[in-house]
Protein backbone atom coordinates (compact mmCIF):
# COMPACT_ATOMS: atom_id res chain seq x y z
CA UNK A 1 97.47 42.07 -29.13
CA UNK A 2 99.63 45.84 -29.50
CA UNK A 3 98.38 48.80 -29.58
CA UNK A 4 100.07 52.42 -29.50
CA UNK A 5 99.54 54.94 -26.46
CA UNK A 6 100.63 58.51 -26.01
CA UNK A 7 100.90 60.08 -22.81
CA UNK A 8 102.41 63.16 -20.74
CA UNK A 9 104.41 63.49 -17.83
CA UNK A 10 102.77 65.55 -14.86
CA UNK A 11 104.85 66.86 -12.23
CA UNK A 12 102.49 67.61 -9.85
CA UNK A 13 100.31 64.85 -7.84
CA UNK A 14 97.43 64.66 -5.41
CA UNK A 15 93.35 64.81 -5.22
CA UNK A 16 93.05 68.23 -6.59
CA UNK A 17 95.07 67.83 -9.26
CA UNK A 18 93.68 64.44 -10.13
CA UNK A 19 90.28 66.26 -10.10
CA UNK A 20 91.40 69.19 -12.56
CA UNK A 21 92.94 66.61 -14.90
CA UNK A 22 89.49 64.40 -15.21
CA UNK A 23 87.75 67.99 -15.87
CA UNK A 24 90.08 68.51 -18.79
CA UNK A 25 89.53 65.11 -20.34
CA UNK A 26 92.56 63.35 -19.15
CA UNK A 27 92.86 60.53 -16.45
CA UNK A 28 95.95 60.38 -14.19
CA UNK A 29 98.17 57.35 -14.50
CA UNK A 30 101.16 55.73 -12.90
CA UNK A 31 104.15 53.99 -15.47
CA UNK A 32 106.39 51.62 -12.52
CA UNK A 33 108.64 48.62 -12.92
CA UNK A 34 112.54 48.41 -14.17
CA UNK A 35 113.29 50.48 -11.07
CA UNK A 36 111.36 53.54 -12.23
CA UNK A 37 108.05 55.38 -11.00
CA UNK A 38 106.94 57.91 -13.33
CA UNK A 39 103.50 60.01 -12.92
CA UNK A 40 101.35 60.17 -16.59
CA UNK A 41 98.41 61.51 -17.93
CA UNK A 42 96.55 59.80 -20.53
CA UNK A 43 93.49 59.97 -22.80
CA UNK A 44 90.87 58.05 -20.95
CA UNK A 45 89.60 56.56 -24.85
CA UNK A 46 92.65 54.74 -25.07
CA UNK A 47 92.06 52.75 -21.44
CA UNK A 48 88.87 51.95 -22.83
CA UNK A 49 90.06 50.26 -25.47
CA UNK A 50 92.26 48.29 -23.75
CA UNK A 51 89.72 47.73 -21.28
CA UNK A 52 87.89 46.07 -23.78
CA UNK A 53 90.51 44.26 -25.52
CA UNK A 54 92.20 41.61 -23.31
CA UNK A 55 93.66 44.20 -21.29
CA UNK A 56 96.25 42.40 -19.23
CA UNK A 57 97.72 40.73 -22.01
CA UNK A 58 97.82 43.73 -24.73
CA UNK A 59 101.05 45.00 -25.32
CA UNK A 60 101.38 48.97 -25.22
CA UNK A 61 104.18 51.00 -26.66
CA UNK A 62 103.93 53.86 -24.99
CA UNK A 63 105.62 57.18 -26.18
CA UNK A 64 105.76 59.71 -23.37
CA UNK A 65 105.71 63.66 -23.95
CA UNK A 66 108.12 65.19 -21.62
CA UNK A 67 110.35 62.68 -20.28
CA UNK A 68 113.77 62.80 -20.04
CA UNK A 69 114.86 59.68 -21.14
CA UNK A 70 113.56 56.81 -22.87
CA UNK A 71 110.52 58.78 -24.25
CA UNK A 72 109.12 55.08 -25.76
CA UNK A 73 108.69 52.30 -23.27
CA UNK A 74 107.16 49.01 -23.54
CA UNK A 75 104.21 48.25 -21.08
CA UNK A 76 100.80 46.09 -19.83
CA UNK A 77 98.10 47.84 -18.43
CA UNK A 78 97.89 46.03 -14.66
CA UNK A 79 95.44 48.25 -13.30
CA UNK A 80 92.58 50.69 -13.48
CA UNK A 81 89.79 52.41 -10.92
CA UNK A 82 86.21 53.20 -12.52
CA UNK A 83 83.48 55.36 -10.82
CA UNK A 84 81.05 53.17 -9.67
CA UNK A 85 78.31 55.33 -9.87
CA UNK A 86 79.09 57.04 -13.94
CA UNK A 87 81.73 53.97 -14.94
CA UNK A 88 84.01 56.39 -15.75
CA UNK A 89 87.77 55.93 -15.69
CA UNK A 90 89.75 57.38 -12.71
CA UNK A 91 93.12 56.12 -13.17
CA UNK A 92 95.65 53.69 -14.35
CA UNK A 93 98.29 51.65 -13.68
CA UNK A 94 101.05 50.81 -16.48
CA UNK A 95 103.67 47.89 -15.73
CA UNK A 96 106.89 48.60 -17.62
CA UNK A 97 108.30 45.62 -19.03
CA UNK A 98 111.83 44.76 -20.77
CA UNK A 99 111.32 42.95 -24.48
CA UNK A 100 114.39 40.24 -23.78
CA UNK A 101 113.00 39.27 -20.17
CA UNK A 102 110.16 36.49 -19.46
CA UNK A 103 107.44 38.20 -17.48
CA UNK A 104 104.39 35.92 -15.74
CA UNK A 105 101.12 36.55 -16.77
CA UNK A 106 97.69 35.54 -16.44
CA UNK A 107 95.91 34.73 -20.03
CA UNK A 108 92.09 33.66 -20.76
CA UNK A 109 90.63 30.47 -21.60
CA UNK A 110 88.25 30.29 -24.51
CA UNK A 111 86.51 27.15 -25.55
CA UNK A 112 86.14 26.46 -29.18
CA UNK A 113 84.65 23.97 -30.91
CA UNK A 114 80.67 24.11 -30.37
CA UNK A 115 78.47 22.43 -28.30
CA UNK A 116 80.41 19.27 -26.96
CA UNK A 117 78.80 16.14 -27.52
CA UNK A 118 78.01 14.86 -24.04
CA UNK A 119 75.76 18.40 -23.54
CA UNK A 120 73.86 17.16 -26.87
CA UNK A 121 73.04 14.29 -24.49
CA UNK A 122 72.00 15.76 -21.51
CA UNK A 123 75.18 16.48 -19.61
CA UNK A 124 76.37 20.13 -18.16
CA UNK A 125 79.50 22.21 -19.17
CA UNK A 126 81.97 22.83 -16.54
CA UNK A 127 83.79 25.88 -17.43
CA UNK A 128 86.60 25.17 -14.03
CA UNK A 129 89.73 27.22 -15.18
CA UNK A 130 88.90 30.87 -16.91
CA UNK A 131 92.60 31.99 -17.15
CA UNK A 132 95.74 30.47 -17.13
CA UNK A 133 98.99 31.83 -15.62
CA UNK A 134 102.09 31.49 -18.15
CA UNK A 135 105.63 32.68 -18.70
CA UNK A 136 107.18 34.04 -21.60
CA UNK A 137 108.71 36.93 -23.25
CA UNK A 138 106.25 39.95 -24.06
CA UNK A 139 106.10 39.51 -27.66
CA UNK A 140 104.87 36.09 -27.09
CA UNK A 141 102.04 36.64 -24.97
CA UNK A 142 98.82 35.03 -26.59
CA UNK A 143 95.40 37.05 -26.77
CA UNK A 144 93.88 33.90 -25.46
CA UNK A 145 94.12 30.17 -24.59
CA UNK A 146 91.62 28.16 -26.91
CA UNK A 147 90.88 24.80 -26.04
CA UNK A 148 88.48 22.58 -27.98
CA UNK A 149 86.04 20.62 -26.05
CA UNK A 150 83.80 19.42 -28.65
CA UNK A 151 84.21 15.52 -28.39
CA UNK A 152 84.00 15.76 -24.75
CA UNK A 153 81.21 12.97 -23.35
CA UNK A 154 79.54 12.95 -20.41
CA UNK A 155 82.30 12.52 -17.53
CA UNK A 156 84.81 12.93 -19.59
CA UNK A 157 87.32 16.91 -19.41
CA UNK A 158 90.61 18.31 -20.34
CA UNK A 159 93.34 18.89 -17.87
CA UNK A 160 96.01 21.48 -17.93
CA UNK A 161 98.61 18.62 -19.57
CA UNK A 162 96.21 17.90 -22.43
CA UNK A 163 96.58 21.43 -23.88
CA UNK A 164 98.24 22.07 -26.87
CA UNK A 165 101.58 23.52 -26.76
CA UNK A 166 102.49 27.09 -27.74
CA UNK A 167 105.56 27.64 -28.42
CA UNK A 168 107.92 30.11 -26.64
CA UNK A 169 104.89 30.11 -23.80
CA UNK A 170 105.47 27.93 -20.26
CA UNK A 171 101.98 26.93 -18.40
CA UNK A 172 102.65 27.24 -14.71
CA UNK A 173 99.47 25.76 -13.90
CA UNK A 174 99.14 22.27 -12.39
CA UNK A 175 99.38 19.68 -14.89
CA UNK A 176 96.15 17.58 -13.23
CA UNK A 177 93.91 20.60 -12.90
CA UNK A 178 90.58 20.56 -14.74
CA UNK A 179 90.38 22.96 -17.38
CA UNK A 180 87.03 22.20 -19.35
CA UNK A 181 84.70 19.14 -18.30
CA UNK A 182 81.27 17.71 -18.83
CA UNK A 183 79.42 16.34 -16.06
CA UNK A 184 76.19 14.14 -15.84
CA UNK A 185 73.08 15.00 -15.30
CA UNK A 186 72.04 15.45 -11.30
CA UNK A 187 68.77 12.83 -11.53
CA UNK A 188 65.21 13.65 -10.06
CA UNK A 189 65.74 11.50 -6.87
CA UNK A 190 69.07 12.42 -6.28
CA UNK A 191 68.25 16.30 -6.30
CA UNK A 192 65.08 15.44 -4.53
CA UNK A 193 67.05 13.41 -1.96
CA UNK A 194 69.58 16.53 -1.84
CA UNK A 195 67.05 19.15 -1.31
CA UNK A 196 65.27 16.81 1.46
CA UNK A 197 68.31 16.63 3.50
CA UNK A 198 68.98 20.00 3.22
CA UNK A 199 65.60 20.98 4.35
CA UNK A 200 65.81 18.37 7.74
CA UNK A 201 65.78 20.75 10.70
CA UNK A 202 66.96 20.32 14.20
CA UNK A 203 63.57 20.36 15.63
CA UNK A 204 62.54 17.02 16.87
CA UNK A 205 65.85 14.89 16.88
CA UNK A 206 66.75 13.28 19.67
CA UNK A 207 69.33 15.10 21.94
CA UNK A 208 72.68 13.21 21.49
CA UNK A 209 73.22 11.90 25.66
CA UNK A 210 77.04 11.26 26.19
CA UNK A 211 77.61 7.65 27.95
CA UNK A 212 74.08 6.42 26.72
CA UNK A 213 74.40 2.79 24.89
CA UNK A 214 78.17 3.91 25.06
CA UNK A 215 80.87 3.32 27.95
CA UNK A 216 83.23 6.66 28.08
CA UNK A 217 87.22 6.46 28.80
CA UNK A 218 88.24 7.37 32.35
CA UNK A 219 89.15 11.01 30.61
CA UNK A 220 86.08 10.90 28.43
CA UNK A 221 83.99 10.89 31.55
CA UNK A 222 86.35 13.19 33.78
CA UNK A 223 85.82 15.79 30.89
CA UNK A 224 81.91 15.12 30.43
CA UNK A 225 81.52 15.48 34.57
CA UNK A 226 83.54 18.82 34.20
CA UNK A 227 81.14 20.06 31.73
CA UNK A 228 77.72 19.09 34.50
CA UNK A 229 76.87 15.78 33.01
CA UNK A 230 76.34 12.39 34.14
CA UNK A 231 78.35 9.67 33.04
CA UNK A 232 79.02 6.26 33.58
CA UNK A 233 82.64 5.18 34.53
CA UNK A 234 83.65 1.70 32.76
CA UNK A 235 84.52 -0.41 35.78
CA UNK A 236 82.20 1.82 38.25
CA UNK A 237 79.05 0.44 39.26
CA UNK A 238 75.97 2.41 38.39
CA UNK A 239 73.79 5.05 41.00
CA UNK A 240 70.98 1.94 41.90
CA UNK A 241 73.87 -0.68 41.88
CA UNK A 242 75.88 0.69 44.42
CA UNK A 243 72.43 1.51 46.86
CA UNK A 244 71.86 -2.11 46.55
CA UNK A 245 75.30 -3.21 47.76
CA UNK A 246 75.24 -0.45 50.63
CA UNK A 247 71.92 -1.97 51.58
CA UNK A 248 72.92 -5.66 51.67
CA UNK A 249 76.33 -4.53 53.74
CA UNK A 250 73.80 -2.52 56.22
CA UNK A 251 71.56 -5.87 56.58
CA UNK A 252 74.69 -8.03 57.15
CA UNK A 253 75.99 -5.88 59.72
CA UNK A 254 73.05 -5.81 61.51
CA UNK A 255 72.41 -10.08 61.44
CA UNK A 256 75.67 -10.17 62.81
CA UNK A 257 74.62 -8.06 66.25
CA UNK A 258 72.34 -10.57 67.18
CA UNK A 259 73.49 -13.04 69.30
CA UNK A 260 73.77 -16.54 68.17
CA UNK A 261 71.35 -19.47 68.68
CA UNK A 262 73.62 -21.77 70.58
CA UNK A 263 74.78 -18.89 72.96
CA UNK A 264 71.24 -18.35 73.93
CA UNK A 265 70.66 -22.10 74.85
CA UNK A 266 74.25 -22.12 76.97
CA UNK A 267 72.93 -18.81 79.10
CA UNK A 268 69.50 -20.72 79.73
CA UNK A 269 71.00 -23.89 80.49
CA UNK A 270 73.81 -21.90 83.47
CA UNK A 271 70.16 -20.12 84.53
CA UNK A 272 68.57 -23.49 85.33
CA UNK A 273 71.55 -24.65 86.69
CA UNK A 274 71.69 -21.69 89.47
CA UNK A 275 67.71 -22.11 90.52
CA UNK A 276 68.45 -25.84 91.38
CA UNK A 277 71.68 -25.00 93.69
CA UNK A 278 69.60 -22.55 95.43
CA UNK A 279 66.61 -24.96 96.09
């Protein structure tokens, strides 16, 4: 789509100048690109028309009053600012292009063909990509890229590679990206399970204890011990086993201190022999 627009060069810049321009029915604008930057004033009505007609792809023939060179330029509306309260246009950015050099722009995707067959059977249509980045000469920029989704069944879709080629236009998106698809409807049981699982809270859950039903490696045990947690280290006996082992060892030592029965009998015999000699 092409538009004709007139503009005027402005010498002064700043917030005060911009407010004066808006009060007089004009808005400030900037034209940049091709190594030059010009400060302009525009009729906001023209920019409003561009906003309603694919602003990013509309080719503008700009006639500039007061320009010292190249009074007629070719440009695109790159950006604009709007008052958040009144909705009035405040500023516009224009990007100058050369008709013999390819540029990259984003073009809107339009789904055509009516309701897909899969939607009539209860499926849900998903518009996965609403814009496609392309590369072409400025004069070849399409207003939109149309995608016919009328024959799509449930669980079918159209990828970038499936789009009809446009002469002079190169698609820059990944060929495997989905543009539009029809998904199966979610069953009531699946929806209920999803809602139930998402509603589960942490209350009532048994806390996860490190080492419960599972032995840790020495490295994991060291990390858990540093955090103040009690863990069981592989190869190391538990506290109760340690206590029993120590008790058994102590008992054995005590028993080792008691004299053996043979020694007692030998002492008794020696004592009796001494007593008989005295007699």
